[in-house]
Amino acid sequence: MTQTAGIYIEHNAKGTPVFARIDLTKYGERLMPFFKEVGVTIIEESLNDETNAALREAHTKKLKTYENADALLADLYS
């Protein structure tokens, strides 16, 4: 992987560059017109206000976690 100022170029086993990871906080605003042109939807843009608020809350609060799906279901049905 090659790195340059928030842009990471990933190579395949043959050394050919195949993916670019781009820091969207750094370059996102300039890339949005391109993303829209090629039909890429950034998930934050496609979510409604209620979902965005829930995601922000989940990132800022200590939420309950579960060992497995059975524990989650047991809690939901209790």
C-alpha atoms as a PDB file:
ATOM      1  CA  MET A   1       0.000   0.000   0.000  1.00  0.00           C
ATOM      2  CA  THR A   2       1.272   3.441  -0.963  1.00  0.00           C
ATOM      3  CA  GLN A   3       0.322   6.469   1.161  1.00  0.00           C
ATOM      4  CA  THR A   4       0.295  10.142   0.229  1.00  0.00           C
ATOM      5  CA  ALA A   5      -1.385  12.822   2.374  1.00  0.00           C
ATOM      6  CA  GLY A   6      -4.643  11.005   3.132  1.00  0.00           C
ATOM      7  CA  ILE A   7      -4.727   8.930  -0.061  1.00  0.00           C
ATOM      8  CA  TYR A   8      -3.784   5.265   0.081  1.00  0.00           C
ATOM      9  CA  ILE A   9      -3.219   3.277  -3.113  1.00  0.00           C
ATOM     10  CA  GLU A  10      -3.666  -0.469  -2.686  1.00  0.00           C
ATOM     11  CA  HIS A  11      -1.971  -2.884  -5.063  1.00  0.00           C
ATOM     12  CA  ASN A  12      -2.867  -6.451  -5.993  1.00  0.00           C
ATOM     13  CA  ALA A  13      -0.432  -9.363  -5.716  1.00  0.00           C
ATOM     14  CA  LYS A  14       1.119  -8.416  -9.082  1.00  0.00           C
ATOM     15  CA  GLY A  15       1.793  -4.885  -7.862  1.00  0.00           C
ATOM     16  CA  THR A  16      -0.877  -3.281 -10.003  1.00  0.00           C
ATOM     17  CA  PRO A  17      -2.716  -0.407  -8.299  1.00  0.00           C
ATOM     18  CA  VAL A  18      -6.365  -1.462  -7.938  1.00  0.00           C
ATOM     19  CA  PHE A  19      -7.969   0.588  -5.144  1.00  0.00           C
ATOM     20  CA  ALA A  20      -7.641   4.068  -3.712  1.00  0.00           C
ATOM     21  CA  ARG A  21      -8.627   4.851  -0.114  1.00  0.00           C
ATOM     22  CA  ILE A  22      -9.300   8.536   0.258  1.00  0.00           C
ATOM     23  CA  ASP A  23      -9.726  10.491   3.484  1.00  0.00           C
ATOM     24  CA  LEU A  24     -13.154  12.035   2.855  1.00  0.00           C
ATOM     25  CA  THR A  25     -12.769  14.508   5.699  1.00  0.00           C
ATOM     26  CA  LYS A  26      -9.829  15.921   3.790  1.00  0.00           C
ATOM     27  CA  TYR A  27     -10.935  15.537   0.157  1.00  0.00           C
ATOM     28  CA  GLY A  28     -14.645  14.679   0.299  1.00  0.00           C
ATOM     29  CA  GLU A  29     -15.993  18.092  -0.628  1.00  0.00           C
ATOM     30  CA  ARG A  30     -13.894  18.206  -3.793  1.00  0.00           C
ATOM     31  CA  LEU A  31     -14.791  14.606  -4.704  1.00  0.00           C
ATOM     32  CA  MET A  32     -18.589  14.854  -4.206  1.00  0.00           C
ATOM     33  CA  PRO A  33     -19.289  16.158  -7.737  1.00  0.00           C
ATOM     34  CA  PHE A  34     -17.377  13.179  -9.172  1.00  0.00           C
ATOM     35  CA  PHE A  35     -19.131  10.697  -6.855  1.00  0.00           C
ATOM     36  CA  LYS A  36     -22.546  12.076  -7.856  1.00  0.00           C
ATOM     37  CA  GLU A  37     -21.614  11.985 -11.548  1.00  0.00           C
ATOM     38  CA  VAL A  38     -20.740   8.272 -11.401  1.00  0.00           C
ATOM     39  CA  GLY A  39     -23.694   7.391  -9.147  1.00  0.00           C
ATOM     40  CA  VAL A  40     -21.930   6.853  -5.815  1.00  0.00           C
ATOM     41  CA  THR A  41     -24.140   7.557  -2.805  1.00  0.00           C
ATOM     42  CA  ILE A  42     -22.377   8.469   0.404  1.00  0.00           C
ATOM     43  CA  ILE A  43     -24.308   6.705   3.159  1.00  0.00           C
ATOM     44  CA  GLU A  44     -24.616   9.802   5.374  1.00  0.00           C
ATOM     45  CA  GLU A  45     -26.374  11.619   2.522  1.00  0.00           C
ATOM     46  CA  SER A  46     -28.868   8.803   1.991  1.00  0.00           C
ATOM     47  CA  LEU A  47     -30.016   8.449   5.617  1.00  0.00           C
ATOM     48  CA  ASN A  48     -32.940  10.359   7.078  1.00  0.00           C
ATOM     49  CA  ASP A  49     -32.609  12.736  10.048  1.00  0.00           C
ATOM     50  CA  GLU A  50     -33.944  10.184  12.547  1.00  0.00           C
ATOM     51  CA  THR A  51     -31.401   7.556  11.495  1.00  0.00           C
ATOM     52  CA  ASN A  52     -28.559  10.095  11.549  1.00  0.00           C
ATOM     53  CA  ALA A  53     -29.572  11.163  15.075  1.00  0.00           C
ATOM     54  CA  ALA A  54     -29.616   7.516  16.223  1.00  0.00           C
ATOM     55  CA  LEU A  55     -26.164   6.919  14.725  1.00  0.00           C
ATOM     56  CA  ARG A  56     -24.761  10.007  16.463  1.00  0.00           C
ATOM     57  CA  GLU A  57     -26.269   8.843  19.758  1.00  0.00           C
ATOM     58  CA  ALA A  58     -24.808   5.370  19.301  1.00  0.00           C
ATOM     59  CA  HIS A  59     -21.340   6.849  18.814  1.00  0.00           C
ATOM     60  CA  THR A  60     -21.533   9.125  21.839  1.00  0.00           C
ATOM     61  CA  LYS A  61     -23.234   6.903  24.439  1.00  0.00           C
ATOM     62  CA  LYS A  62     -22.222   3.644  26.044  1.00  0.00           C
ATOM     63  CA  LEU A  63     -24.837   1.328  24.578  1.00  0.00           C
ATOM     64  CA  LYS A  64     -25.670  -2.136  25.825  1.00  0.00           C
ATOM     65  CA  THR A  65     -23.902  -4.920  23.952  1.00  0.00           C
ATOM     66  CA  TYR A  66     -24.858  -8.562  23.666  1.00  0.00           C
ATOM     67  CA  GLU A  67     -22.823 -11.737  23.599  1.00  0.00           C
ATOM     68  CA  ASN A  68     -24.966 -13.227  20.828  1.00  0.00           C
ATOM     69  CA  ALA A  69     -28.279 -12.936  18.977  1.00  0.00           C
ATOM     70  CA  ASP A  70     -30.104 -15.104  21.541  1.00  0.00           C
ATOM     71  CA  ALA A  71     -29.213 -12.660  24.333  1.00  0.00           C
ATOM     72  CA  LEU A  72     -30.424  -9.743  22.229  1.00  0.00           C
ATOM     73  CA  LEU A  73     -33.713 -11.489  21.436  1.00  0.00           C
ATOM     74  CA  ALA A  74     -34.237 -12.444  25.086  1.00  0.00           C
ATOM     75  CA  ASP A  75     -33.778  -8.777  26.036  1.00  0.00           C
ATOM     76  CA  LEU A  76     -36.137  -7.592  23.296  1.00  0.00           C
ATOM     77  CA  TYR A  77     -38.872  -9.974  24.380  1.00  0.00           C
ATOM     78  CA  SER A  78     -38.509  -9.324  28.124  1.00  0.00           C
END
